[in-house]
Structure formats: C-alpha cells, structure tokens
C-alpha cells in the first residue's frame, strides 16, 4: 500500500466518503517548496475530471482549506456559497457544485501535512457532530499512512540512486577481458614459485607490484578455496583485478599494496596455524577472512573517520548514524563487486552460506576500525586455547586487526618506510584541516608530530597488545613479537635524533 501514493490517496478518499456519507472527498497536501495546497488525486465525476487539469492547487492561506491549515481546527460549513472563506475556483475548475463542507486537517505525529474536504452530505442536509468525530479520528490515521508512503517513496528513490551509482562504479572499474585471460594463463609459470611465500616471516612488500594479483590468485588456490567453493577461475581473476582497481593509487598508504600485504598476512596465518584443519575456523570463515583482507580499504580517500564527520562528507551523511564511516563504505564497495555478475566468486554457495559469509565479511571489515577493536579488547584478552571454538567471531576480529597491523612486524626498513607512507597521508589530511580553519590532531600536524614518539606510542597501545594475544593463542607467531621489539628499539634510537633535528629546524625558523 505504501509504494503508490496515488493509490493510497484514492483508498483514503473512498474510505472517508463511505464513513461520512459524502458525495466527494478531496485531499490536499502542503507543497514544501511553495506552501501551496496541491491535490493530484481529485475525487469526482470521471468525465468532469478529464476536463480538469491534472492537479488542483490552492494558494497558501486561501479559502476554507487554507484557514484549516492555519488554525489546525476542523470546520463544518452548512452552506458553502454563503460562507466568506469559500473559494469558488475549484468548483469553476471542475464543474462541481458544492453545497456543504466538512474540512479537517491531516496530521502526522507532529505537524499538519495537508487537509481533507468532504463535500455534500448524502441523505441529509449537512454533516453532523458524529461526522466531525469520525473526521478527527480519521485525520491522524490518514496522516500517518501518507507520511509512511512518502518516506517509503524516498527510500525507494535512494535505493534506485544507489543502484545506479553502483552500476556506474562497476562500469568504470571493468577490466579488459585479455587481462583476465592473461592472469589465468600466468598461474602456471615458474615466476610465481617464490621461495617461502607461504611462511610467516615472508615480507610481501618486497615483491614487484606487477605480480601481486597473480599471487593473490595463488592464495585462493593454495588454500583450496577454488576447489572447495567451486570458484570459476575467470570470475576470481576478474574479481581480484577489479578490487585492485578499486584502490586509489594516489593514496600513499591505504592502497592496493597495503591490501595485498594484509591479505598475505591472513593467508600465511591460515597456512601455518592450521586454523581450519584444527576446526577452529570453518572453510567459509577462512574464505570470508581472505576476501575481507583484500577488500577492507576499498576506495579509501586518505582521510580518517573523524575528518569525514567533521566536513560532513557524502560518506558521513550516509553512514554517520551507524559509525565507522570509512569501513562501511569499504564494505559497501566490496558487496557491490561481489554482486557483479562477472565477479560472483560466491555463486556456488547456498543462500544460507552466502548470508553467513556476507555477515562475517561485514564484521571483519568493521573490525578494522580501531575504535571497534578497543571496544572488544577486554573480551579479546579473555580468549584462551580452550574457548576458541566458542568465540570464533572474536578470534576472527583479532586476526583481522593483526593482519591490518602486519607492517609493524616486518623488518625495520619496511616498517620505517611504511611509517613514512602513513604519516605522508596523515600530514596531507592535517594540511587540509588547516586550510579549512580546523586544528589537526598532533599526529596529523607535520609541524608538531614526532614520528618516532608517535610510533612508539602506537606500538605500545595498539600493536603489541594485539600481537601478544595472538602469541598467547598461537606460540608459532613469536617471530612477530621479536620483530616488533627490534622495531621499537630502532624507533627509540632515532627518537632523540629526530627531536634534536626538529628543535634545530624550529630554532632556525625563529632566527
């Protein structure tokens, strides 16, 4: 009923006429732009209506209807043509002869949104007190029904706009078919036989970017996802190529290389910790984890959630009420790609499996918002080797966070280089905030940020606690903590030098 406002209004008029014994009922809604009363559905004689215009408009505050809108009170008029407020224009426009009128406001839960006019009481000289009581009760029901219909229509339009924008997105992210064929063919070549690729200590950032998509396909093959879930290789190739295009190359850190590194970290954990083989995670959960890692920062704009909220960006307008603005956008992009006909790598799943996989994907991508990580940190610390199967979602969130932070547990040159990329992105946001008259956070302010100090704080409050929990559950990951300690020492060693250099720069600026 809510989908078609015209149909709803016709139903409302028919019901009002029946309940009060009126010859005609006309409904007018307030035009939010002009303030006029407008009726596109006008009940009456079919032939006369065909001669009338497609809609009836009454000027703001004019006539009986305008008076009822202004006062908010019902008006029962026994002789229309003798009443000073009666507006003859509608009768002249439609050819209808009005004898008496029962006019009442239409209200939603808070405001008047329109007015209804019942004309010509049948079988009596005029509308009586009983009719007035019916009209008053009917007003609220009518208003709420109309508002629900209007809201539903707005939702439908928003969904249509969203669908069109997603279609446009997929169109511009399409990849040439020859790239898909080439990617499938190269999988058999020896250049992908990279020593130690599946070990925990392998550094994915040392690879040439040109082979990262091929190696991404290898991850799906090595984990037996292609055979287990009957994933067509052409769709997998196309999916990965489009995901790669979904990242902005101009962003220093949150780009495809980061996504590949995060996915590789998850791949090595699945390969070496035997999470599926031990029954700690299901095959489907492992698949969702790998997909989430590849997609978790899709279309990242290089600015954080606070910035999106501060500038009231289109993303913030879409997701601010739910929180995790960026992450919800990444999730939306991921689902859009997964639903594209040529990228449906989950097509062989049953309806229930698909729903479960998407639910896991949602939780995993949202877990990359550190605000969400801190909310569950107490529960994560309560994880132990005896309760993992009862807390699979918590474990998956922990693994997702660790994978997202995995650059911090690589070799010192990699960790330092990645930090420079991160702060390049942060400082660009800080510069934007200054241009807008906003005060950036210290870590975003290139004039005040001390990178070694910030890195040591980040390692101490975020990275080390997460990896300590992972180590307590899986001692095989001890190399991560060893690497983290070495990087902390390196940051500590250069902190004094960095601070002295900064002070020298400030002194030079003052002189």
Protein backbone atom coordinates (compact mmCIF):
# COMPACT_ATOMS: atom_id res chain seq x y z
CA UNK A 1 0.00 0.00 0.00
CA UNK A 2 2.87 2.34 0.81
CA UNK A 3 4.51 2.11 -2.58
CA UNK A 4 2.00 4.12 -4.65
CA UNK A 5 0.92 7.41 -3.06
CA UNK A 6 -1.82 7.99 -5.65
CA UNK A 7 -3.34 4.60 -4.97
CA UNK A 8 -3.13 5.20 -1.23
CA UNK A 9 -4.88 8.58 -1.52
CA UNK A 10 -7.67 7.10 -3.64
CA UNK A 11 -8.16 4.44 -0.99
CA UNK A 12 -8.19 7.04 1.78
CA UNK A 13 -10.80 9.15 -0.06
CA UNK A 14 -13.02 6.18 -0.70
CA UNK A 15 -12.90 5.23 2.98
CA UNK A 16 -13.61 8.82 4.15
CA UNK A 17 -16.58 9.13 1.76
CA UNK A 18 -18.00 5.80 2.93
CA UNK A 19 -17.63 6.58 6.65
CA UNK A 20 -19.27 10.02 6.46
CA UNK A 21 -21.69 9.53 3.57
CA UNK A 22 -20.09 12.31 1.48
CA UNK A 23 -20.54 12.80 -2.26
CA UNK A 24 -16.93 13.79 -2.77
CA UNK A 25 -13.67 13.86 -0.86
CA UNK A 26 -10.63 15.81 -1.96
CA UNK A 27 -7.22 15.60 -0.32
CA UNK A 28 -4.62 18.36 -0.47
CA UNK A 29 -1.03 18.06 0.72
CA UNK A 30 1.25 21.00 1.51
CA UNK A 31 3.88 21.65 -1.15
CA UNK A 32 7.05 22.01 0.93
CA UNK A 33 8.58 24.41 -1.60
CA UNK A 34 5.69 26.81 -2.33
CA UNK A 35 3.47 26.31 0.72
CA UNK A 36 0.51 25.78 -1.65
CA UNK A 37 -2.04 23.05 -1.15
CA UNK A 38 -1.88 20.59 -4.03
CA UNK A 39 -4.06 17.64 -4.96
CA UNK A 40 -3.07 15.36 -7.82
CA UNK A 41 -5.87 12.94 -6.94
CA UNK A 42 -9.25 14.62 -7.00
CA UNK A 43 -12.32 12.51 -6.46
CA UNK A 44 -15.37 13.23 -8.60
CA UNK A 45 -17.24 12.61 -11.80
CA UNK A 46 -14.98 10.86 -14.35
CA UNK A 47 -15.99 12.99 -17.36
CA UNK A 48 -15.60 16.26 -15.48
CA UNK A 49 -12.23 15.18 -14.14
CA UNK A 50 -10.97 14.55 -17.65
CA UNK A 51 -11.77 18.18 -18.47
CA UNK A 52 -9.94 19.41 -15.38
CA UNK A 53 -6.21 19.87 -15.06
CA UNK A 54 -4.05 17.03 -13.77
CA UNK A 55 -3.68 18.69 -10.39
CA UNK A 56 -5.56 21.24 -8.29
CA UNK A 57 -3.61 23.95 -6.46
CA UNK A 58 -4.82 26.37 -3.79
CA UNK A 59 -2.73 29.37 -2.80
CA UNK A 60 -1.21 29.42 0.67
CA UNK A 61 -3.78 30.55 3.27
CA UNK A 62 -6.59 30.87 0.73
CA UNK A 63 -10.14 29.68 1.24
CA UNK A 64 -11.52 27.17 3.70
CA UNK A 65 -8.64 24.72 3.25
CA UNK A 66 -6.09 27.47 3.88
CA UNK A 67 -7.93 28.57 7.03
CA UNK A 68 -7.99 25.00 8.40
CA UNK A 69 -4.25 24.62 7.73
CA UNK A 70 -3.60 27.91 9.55
CA UNK A 71 -5.75 27.21 12.60
CA UNK A 72 -5.39 23.44 12.73
CA UNK A 73 -9.09 23.17 13.57
CA UNK A 74 -11.94 21.32 11.85
CA UNK A 75 -14.53 23.44 10.03
CA UNK A 76 -18.12 22.27 9.39
CA UNK A 77 -19.89 24.55 6.87
CA UNK A 78 -23.58 24.01 6.18
CA UNK A 79 -23.91 26.40 3.22
CA UNK A 80 -20.70 26.69 1.24
CA UNK A 81 -21.60 29.60 -1.09
CA UNK A 82 -22.72 31.77 1.79
CA UNK A 83 -19.51 31.26 3.75
CA UNK A 84 -16.95 34.11 3.39
CA UNK A 85 -13.99 31.70 3.18
CA UNK A 86 -15.39 29.53 0.41
CA UNK A 87 -13.19 29.59 -2.68
CA UNK A 88 -15.25 29.08 -5.86
CA UNK A 89 -12.18 28.50 -8.02
CA UNK A 90 -12.12 24.75 -7.52
CA UNK A 91 -15.81 24.40 -8.44
CA UNK A 92 -15.19 26.53 -11.51
CA UNK A 93 -12.19 24.38 -12.43
CA UNK A 94 -14.02 21.07 -12.03
CA UNK A 95 -17.65 21.95 -12.76
CA UNK A 96 -18.74 20.54 -9.40
CA UNK A 97 -21.45 22.26 -7.26
CA UNK A 98 -20.52 22.36 -3.56
CA UNK A 99 -23.43 22.55 -1.07
CA UNK A 100 -21.80 21.85 2.30
CA UNK A 101 -18.28 21.06 3.51
CA UNK A 102 -16.61 19.22 6.33
CA UNK A 103 -12.96 20.29 6.21
CA UNK A 104 -10.32 18.95 8.62
CA UNK A 105 -6.50 18.96 8.89
CA UNK A 106 -4.40 15.88 8.13
CA UNK A 107 -1.72 15.43 10.77
CA UNK A 108 1.22 13.13 11.20
CA UNK A 109 2.63 12.54 14.67
CA UNK A 110 3.87 16.15 14.95
CA UNK A 111 2.68 18.52 12.21
CA UNK A 112 -0.15 19.33 9.82
CA UNK A 113 0.80 17.95 6.39
CA UNK A 114 -2.41 18.63 4.48
CA UNK A 115 -6.16 18.98 4.56
CA UNK A 116 -9.18 16.88 3.58
CA UNK A 117 -12.50 18.27 2.33
CA UNK A 118 -15.68 16.22 2.41
CA UNK A 119 -18.39 17.78 0.24
CA UNK A 120 -22.17 17.35 0.06
CA UNK A 121 -23.58 15.08 2.73
CA UNK A 122 -25.77 12.45 1.06
CA UNK A 123 -29.15 11.68 2.62
CA UNK A 124 -29.00 14.69 4.95
CA UNK A 125 -28.86 18.49 4.84
CA UNK A 126 -25.35 18.76 6.29
CA UNK A 127 -22.55 16.94 8.16
CA UNK A 128 -23.29 16.41 11.86
CA UNK A 129 -21.31 16.00 15.12
CA UNK A 130 -20.86 12.29 14.52
CA UNK A 131 -19.23 13.05 11.17
CA UNK A 132 -16.92 15.52 12.91
CA UNK A 133 -15.79 12.87 15.41
CA UNK A 134 -15.14 10.39 12.58
CA UNK A 135 -13.16 13.02 10.69
CA UNK A 136 -11.00 13.86 13.73
CA UNK A 137 -10.04 10.21 14.31
CA UNK A 138 -9.59 9.60 10.61
CA UNK A 139 -7.23 12.60 10.32
CA UNK A 140 -4.46 11.00 12.39
CA UNK A 141 -4.75 7.62 10.64
CA UNK A 142 -4.71 9.31 7.25
CA UNK A 143 -1.68 11.49 8.08
CA UNK A 144 0.46 8.64 9.36
CA UNK A 145 -0.41 6.49 6.34
CA UNK A 146 0.56 9.27 3.93
CA UNK A 147 3.82 10.01 5.73
CA UNK A 148 4.76 6.33 5.68
CA UNK A 149 4.08 6.28 1.97
CA UNK A 150 6.19 9.39 1.34
CA UNK A 151 9.08 8.01 3.41
CA UNK A 152 8.84 4.69 1.58
CA UNK A 153 8.96 6.51 -1.73
CA UNK A 154 12.06 8.45 -0.62
CA UNK A 155 13.73 5.18 0.39
CA UNK A 156 12.91 3.67 -2.98
CA UNK A 157 14.42 6.67 -4.75
CA UNK A 158 17.54 6.48 -2.58
CA UNK A 159 17.90 2.78 -3.34
CA UNK A 160 17.49 3.47 -7.04
CA UNK A 161 20.13 6.21 -6.93
CA UNK A 162 22.46 3.90 -5.01
CA UNK A 163 21.94 1.12 -7.54
CA UNK A 164 22.66 3.48 -10.42
CA UNK A 165 25.83 4.77 -8.77
CA UNK A 166 27.00 1.22 -8.14
CA UNK A 167 26.33 0.31 -11.76
CA UNK A 168 28.37 3.34 -12.80
CA UNK A 169 31.15 2.31 -10.43
CA UNK A 170 31.32 -1.21 -11.84
CA UNK A 171 31.23 0.14 -15.41
CA UNK A 172 34.29 2.32 -14.81
CA UNK A 173 36.08 -0.45 -12.92
CA UNK A 174 35.66 -3.04 -15.65
CA UNK A 175 38.84 -4.77 -16.70
CA UNK A 176 39.79 -5.81 -20.26
CA UNK A 177 38.99 -9.44 -20.97
CA UNK A 178 42.54 -10.04 -22.22
CA UNK A 179 43.81 -9.13 -18.73
CA UNK A 180 41.59 -11.82 -17.24
CA UNK A 181 42.84 -14.42 -19.75
CA UNK A 182 46.48 -13.39 -19.19
CA UNK A 183 46.07 -13.64 -15.42
CA UNK A 184 44.70 -17.16 -15.66
CA UNK A 185 47.47 -18.26 -18.01
CA UNK A 186 50.33 -16.92 -15.92
CA UNK A 187 49.42 -19.03 -12.89
CA UNK A 188 51.29 -22.00 -14.33
CA UNK A 189 54.51 -20.08 -14.91
CA UNK A 190 57.54 -20.66 -12.68
CA UNK A 191 57.95 -16.98 -11.85
CA UNK A 192 55.22 -17.43 -9.24
CA UNK A 193 57.18 -20.17 -7.48
CA UNK A 194 58.55 -17.76 -4.89
CA UNK A 195 60.51 -19.39 -2.05
CA UNK A 196 59.00 -19.04 1.42
CA UNK A 197 55.96 -17.18 0.06
CA UNK A 198 53.64 -19.04 2.45
CA UNK A 199 55.83 -18.69 5.56
CA UNK A 200 55.02 -16.36 8.44
CA UNK A 201 58.25 -14.44 8.00
CA UNK A 202 57.85 -13.63 4.31
CA UNK A 203 57.70 -9.90 3.53
CA UNK A 204 55.06 -9.22 0.83
CA UNK A 205 56.17 -5.60 0.38
CA UNK A 206 59.41 -6.80 -1.20
CA UNK A 207 57.51 -8.19 -4.20
CA UNK A 208 57.10 -6.41 -7.52
CA UNK A 209 53.62 -4.90 -7.74
CA UNK A 210 53.20 -6.37 -11.23
CA UNK A 211 52.82 -9.93 -9.90
CA UNK A 212 50.73 -9.23 -6.80
CA UNK A 213 47.39 -10.02 -8.45
CA UNK A 214 48.72 -13.33 -9.76
CA UNK A 215 49.98 -14.16 -6.29
CA UNK A 216 46.59 -13.19 -4.89
CA UNK A 217 45.02 -15.88 -7.07
CA UNK A 218 47.64 -18.30 -5.82
CA UNK A 219 46.47 -17.66 -2.24
CA UNK A 220 42.94 -18.80 -3.14
CA UNK A 221 44.36 -21.88 -4.88
CA UNK A 222 46.81 -22.79 -2.09
CA UNK A 223 44.01 -22.61 0.50
CA UNK A 224 41.84 -24.86 -1.72
CA UNK A 225 39.08 -22.26 -1.86
CA UNK A 226 38.76 -22.57 -5.64
CA UNK A 227 38.01 -26.28 -5.47
CA UNK A 228 36.06 -26.27 -2.19
CA UNK A 229 33.71 -23.50 -3.23
CA UNK A 230 33.73 -24.17 -6.98
CA UNK A 231 35.01 -20.69 -7.77
CA UNK A 232 35.38 -20.18 -11.56
CA UNK A 233 38.96 -19.02 -12.21
CA UNK A 234 37.83 -16.36 -14.69
CA UNK A 235 35.49 -14.83 -12.10
CA UNK A 236 38.20 -14.95 -9.44
CA UNK A 237 40.67 -13.27 -11.80
CA UNK A 238 38.15 -10.58 -12.69
CA UNK A 239 37.21 -10.08 -9.02
CA UNK A 240 40.83 -9.50 -8.00
CA UNK A 241 41.58 -7.21 -10.94
CA UNK A 242 38.54 -5.07 -10.12
CA UNK A 243 39.41 -4.98 -6.42
CA UNK A 244 42.88 -3.78 -7.38
CA UNK A 245 41.31 -1.01 -9.47
CA UNK A 246 39.07 -0.15 -6.54
CA UNK A 247 42.06 1.25 -4.64
CA UNK A 248 43.31 4.75 -5.39
CA UNK A 249 46.96 4.73 -6.49
CA UNK A 250 47.36 8.36 -5.39
CA UNK A 251 46.88 7.43 -1.73
CA UNK A 252 50.32 6.83 -0.14
CA UNK A 253 49.38 4.05 2.30
CA UNK A 254 45.77 2.86 2.04
CA UNK A 255 46.21 1.43 -1.45
CA UNK A 256 46.36 -1.94 -3.23
CA UNK A 257 49.84 -2.74 -1.90
CA UNK A 258 48.53 -2.42 1.66
CA UNK A 259 45.51 -4.60 0.84
CA UNK A 260 47.77 -7.27 -0.70
CA UNK A 261 50.06 -7.21 2.36
CA UNK A 262 47.11 -7.60 4.74
CA UNK A 263 45.68 -10.47 2.68
CA UNK A 264 49.09 -12.18 2.56
CA UNK A 265 49.30 -11.99 6.34
CA UNK A 266 45.92 -13.74 6.67
CA UNK A 267 46.98 -16.31 4.06
CA UNK A 268 50.16 -17.21 5.98
CA UNK A 269 48.29 -17.48 9.28
CA UNK A 270 45.74 -19.83 7.70
CA UNK A 271 48.51 -21.88 6.07
CA UNK A 272 50.73 -22.18 9.16
CA UNK A 273 48.37 -22.22 12.13
CA UNK A 274 46.07 -24.84 10.56
CA UNK A 275 43.01 -23.00 11.83
CA UNK A 276 40.63 -24.86 9.51
CA UNK A 277 42.30 -28.24 9.91
CA UNK A 278 42.02 -27.97 13.69
CA UNK A 279 38.37 -26.99 13.43
CA UNK A 280 39.00 -23.58 14.98
CA UNK A 281 37.55 -21.85 11.91
CA UNK A 282 35.33 -23.23 9.17
CA UNK A 283 36.31 -23.18 5.49
CA UNK A 284 33.65 -20.50 4.92
CA UNK A 285 35.01 -18.30 7.72
CA UNK A 286 38.53 -18.61 6.31
CA UNK A 287 37.24 -17.61 2.87
CA UNK A 288 35.44 -14.58 4.33
CA UNK A 289 38.65 -13.60 6.14
CA UNK A 290 40.75 -13.62 2.97
CA UNK A 291 38.13 -11.70 0.96
CA UNK A 292 37.78 -9.16 3.78
CA UNK A 293 41.54 -8.54 3.81
CA UNK A 294 41.60 -7.80 0.08
CA UNK A 295 38.55 -5.52 0.30
CA UNK A 296 38.89 -3.90 3.72
CA UNK A 297 40.07 -0.46 2.49
CA UNK A 298 38.38 -0.28 -0.93
CA UNK A 299 38.17 3.29 -2.26
CA UNK A 300 39.93 4.76 0.78
CA UNK A 301 40.21 8.53 0.35
CA UNK A 302 43.28 9.04 2.55
CA UNK A 303 41.37 10.67 5.42
CA UNK A 304 40.07 9.17 8.65
CA UNK A 305 36.57 8.85 10.09
CA UNK A 306 36.88 11.98 12.23
CA UNK A 307 37.70 14.06 9.16
CA UNK A 308 34.75 12.64 7.22
CA UNK A 309 32.45 13.54 10.12
CA UNK A 310 33.98 16.99 10.59
CA UNK A 311 33.49 18.06 6.97
CA UNK A 312 30.08 16.33 6.74
CA UNK A 313 31.20 14.48 3.63
CA UNK A 314 28.78 12.43 1.48
CA UNK A 315 30.14 9.30 3.20
CA UNK A 316 29.42 10.80 6.62
CA UNK A 317 25.88 11.69 5.54
CA UNK A 318 25.37 8.06 4.51
CA UNK A 319 26.94 6.30 7.48
CA UNK A 320 27.44 8.73 10.38
CA UNK A 321 24.45 7.40 12.32
CA UNK A 322 25.99 3.91 12.25
CA UNK A 323 29.61 4.83 12.96
CA UNK A 324 32.75 3.51 11.22
CA UNK A 325 32.10 5.75 8.21
CA UNK A 326 35.08 4.67 6.08
CA UNK A 327 34.75 0.99 6.95
CA UNK A 328 31.07 0.92 5.99
CA UNK A 329 31.98 2.47 2.64
CA UNK A 330 34.68 -0.18 2.09
CA UNK A 331 32.12 -2.86 2.92
CA UNK A 332 29.57 -1.37 0.52
CA UNK A 333 32.15 -1.37 -2.29
CA UNK A 334 33.08 -4.98 -1.54
CA UNK A 335 29.48 -6.20 -1.65
CA UNK A 336 28.91 -4.24 -4.85
CA UNK A 337 31.82 -6.05 -6.56
CA UNK A 338 30.80 -9.45 -5.18
CA UNK A 339 27.30 -8.91 -6.59
CA UNK A 340 28.54 -8.02 -10.06
CA UNK A 341 27.51 -10.79 -12.46
CA UNK A 342 31.06 -11.31 -13.72
CA UNK A 343 32.70 -11.36 -10.28
CA UNK A 344 30.39 -13.67 -8.34
CA UNK A 345 33.02 -15.84 -6.70
CA UNK A 346 30.44 -16.86 -4.08
CA UNK A 347 27.87 -18.04 -6.61
CA UNK A 348 28.10 -21.71 -5.67
CA UNK A 349 27.19 -21.04 -2.03
CA UNK A 350 23.74 -21.87 -0.76
CA UNK A 351 21.52 -18.98 0.32
CA UNK A 352 22.36 -19.64 3.96
CA UNK A 353 26.09 -19.95 3.28
CA UNK A 354 26.08 -16.71 1.29
CA UNK A 355 24.28 -14.85 4.08
CA UNK A 356 26.74 -16.22 6.66
CA UNK A 357 29.72 -15.25 4.51
CA UNK A 358 28.45 -11.69 3.99
CA UNK A 359 27.71 -11.35 7.73
CA UNK A 360 31.29 -12.43 8.51
CA UNK A 361 32.64 -10.09 5.85
CA UNK A 362 30.74 -7.21 7.45
CA UNK A 363 32.11 -7.92 10.93
CA UNK A 364 35.65 -8.40 9.66
CA UNK A 365 35.79 -5.15 7.70
CA UNK A 366 34.21 -3.20 10.56
CA UNK A 367 36.80 -4.76 12.87
CA UNK A 368 39.50 -2.73 11.10
CA UNK A 369 38.12 0.39 12.78
CA UNK A 370 40.38 0.57 15.84
CA UNK A 371 37.51 2.11 17.79
CA UNK A 372 35.71 -1.23 17.42
CA UNK A 373 38.90 -3.10 18.35
CA UNK A 374 39.23 -1.19 21.63
CA UNK A 375 35.57 -1.87 22.44
CA UNK A 376 36.19 -5.63 22.40
CA UNK A 377 39.78 -5.60 23.71
CA UNK A 378 38.75 -6.87 27.15
CA UNK A 379 36.95 -9.82 25.54
CA UNK A 380 39.93 -10.49 23.27
CA UNK A 381 42.22 -10.69 26.29
CA UNK A 382 39.91 -13.33 27.76
CA UNK A 383 40.49 -15.65 24.80
CA UNK A 384 42.45 -18.83 25.51
CA UNK A 385 43.23 -22.10 23.75
CA UNK A 386 40.24 -23.81 25.35
CA UNK A 387 37.50 -21.40 24.31
CA UNK A 388 38.43 -20.51 20.72
CA UNK A 389 35.71 -22.59 19.06
CA UNK A 390 33.12 -20.85 21.25
CA UNK A 391 34.46 -17.42 20.28
CA UNK A 392 35.15 -17.69 16.58
CA UNK A 393 33.95 -14.17 15.75
CA UNK A 394 36.22 -12.65 18.41
CA UNK A 395 39.16 -14.64 17.09
CA UNK A 396 38.44 -13.56 13.52
CA UNK A 397 38.32 -9.92 14.63
CA UNK A 398 41.67 -10.34 16.37
CA UNK A 399 43.25 -11.94 13.31
CA UNK A 400 41.82 -9.20 11.08
CA UNK A 401 43.29 -6.48 13.29
CA UNK A 402 46.69 -8.18 13.45
CA UNK A 403 46.74 -8.59 9.66
CA UNK A 404 45.84 -4.92 9.22
CA UNK A 405 48.78 -4.01 11.51
CA UNK A 406 51.20 -6.53 9.99
CA UNK A 407 53.52 -3.88 8.51
CA UNK A 408 54.57 -3.15 12.08
CA UNK A 409 56.01 -6.67 12.48
CA UNK A 410 58.09 -6.69 9.31
CA UNK A 411 61.77 -5.88 9.02
CA UNK A 412 62.94 -2.46 10.19
CA UNK A 413 63.45 -1.00 6.68
CA UNK A 414 59.91 -2.00 5.72
CA UNK A 415 58.40 -0.79 8.98
CA UNK A 416 60.15 2.57 8.73
CA UNK A 417 59.20 3.03 5.09
CA UNK A 418 55.56 2.20 5.79
CA UNK A 419 55.52 4.68 8.68
CA UNK A 420 56.68 7.37 6.27
CA UNK A 421 53.81 6.45 3.94
CA UNK A 422 51.30 6.56 6.79
CA UNK A 423 52.45 9.95 8.02
CA UNK A 424 52.56 11.31 4.49
CA UNK A 425 48.85 10.52 4.37
CA UNK A 426 48.24 11.91 7.87
CA UNK A 427 50.06 15.17 7.14
CA UNK A 428 48.11 15.67 3.91
CA UNK A 429 44.91 15.47 5.98
CA UNK A 430 46.39 17.87 8.54
CA UNK A 431 47.21 20.36 5.80
CA UNK A 432 43.62 20.15 4.56
CA UNK A 433 42.29 20.73 8.07
CA UNK A 434 44.46 23.81 8.49
CA UNK A 435 43.22 25.20 5.17
CA UNK A 436 39.68 24.73 6.46
CA UNK A 437 40.44 26.53 9.72
CA UNK A 438 40.44 23.34 11.77
CA UNK A 439 43.05 22.30 14.34
CA UNK A 440 44.54 18.94 13.31
CA UNK A 441 45.39 16.19 15.76
CA UNK A 442 49.10 16.12 16.68
CA UNK A 443 49.80 13.06 14.56
CA UNK A 444 48.29 14.88 11.55
CA UNK A 445 50.30 18.06 12.08
CA UNK A 446 53.61 17.98 10.22
CA UNK A 447 54.91 20.90 12.30
CA UNK A 448 54.27 19.24 15.66
CA UNK A 449 54.37 15.47 15.05
CA UNK A 450 57.35 13.48 16.30
CA UNK A 451 57.07 10.28 14.26
CA UNK A 452 59.29 8.06 16.48
CA UNK A 453 57.34 9.07 19.60
CA UNK A 454 54.02 8.52 17.88
CA UNK A 455 55.17 5.15 16.55
CA UNK A 456 56.35 4.02 19.97
CA UNK A 457 53.01 5.04 21.46
CA UNK A 458 51.12 3.25 18.68
CA UNK A 459 53.15 0.07 19.15
CA UNK A 460 52.69 0.17 22.91
CA UNK A 461 48.94 0.85 22.98
CA UNK A 462 47.70 -0.92 19.84
CA UNK A 463 50.12 -3.25 18.10
CA UNK A 464 51.90 -5.07 20.92
CA UNK A 465 48.71 -5.86 22.93
CA UNK A 466 47.06 -7.36 19.83
CA UNK A 467 50.06 -9.47 18.87
CA UNK A 468 50.59 -10.61 22.48
CA UNK A 469 47.07 -12.03 22.49
CA UNK A 470 47.78 -13.76 19.16
CA UNK A 471 51.05 -15.18 20.56
CA UNK A 472 49.34 -16.49 23.71
CA UNK A 473 46.91 -18.38 21.49
CA UNK A 474 49.43 -19.44 18.85
CA UNK A 475 53.06 -19.53 20.07
CA UNK A 476 54.20 -20.10 16.44
CA UNK A 477 53.77 -16.35 15.94
CA UNK A 478 56.59 -15.48 18.36
CA UNK A 479 58.68 -14.08 15.46
CA UNK A 480 56.21 -11.21 15.21
CA UNK A 481 56.87 -10.07 18.77
CA UNK A 482 60.62 -10.45 18.22
CA UNK A 483 60.43 -8.24 15.14
CA UNK A 484 58.21 -5.75 16.97
CA UNK A 485 60.74 -5.43 19.78
CA UNK A 486 63.53 -4.79 17.28
CA UNK A 487 61.50 -2.08 15.56
CA UNK A 488 60.71 -0.47 18.92
CA UNK A 489 64.42 -0.30 19.72
CA UNK A 490 65.08 1.32 16.33
CA UNK A 491 62.38 3.94 16.91
CA UNK A 492 63.76 4.57 20.39
CA UNK A 493 67.25 5.01 18.97
CA UNK A 494 66.23 7.66 16.44
CA UNK A 495 63.79 9.48 18.70
CA UNK A 496 66.48 11.72 20.21
CA UNK A 497 67.99 12.47 16.82
CA UNK A 498 64.58 13.23 15.35
CA UNK A 499 63.70 15.54 18.25
CA UNK A 500 67.05 17.36 18.04
CA UNK A 501 66.65 17.87 14.29
CA UNK A 502 63.15 19.20 14.84
CA UNK A 503 64.38 21.61 17.52
CA UNK A 504 67.14 22.82 15.21
CA UNK A 505 64.56 23.49 12.48
CA UNK A 506 62.38 25.44 14.91
CA UNK A 507 65.35 27.49 16.13
CA UNK A 508 66.32 28.29 12.54
CA UNK A 509 62.78 29.43 11.80
CA UNK A 510 62.77 31.75 14.84
CA UNK A 511 66.07 33.42 13.80
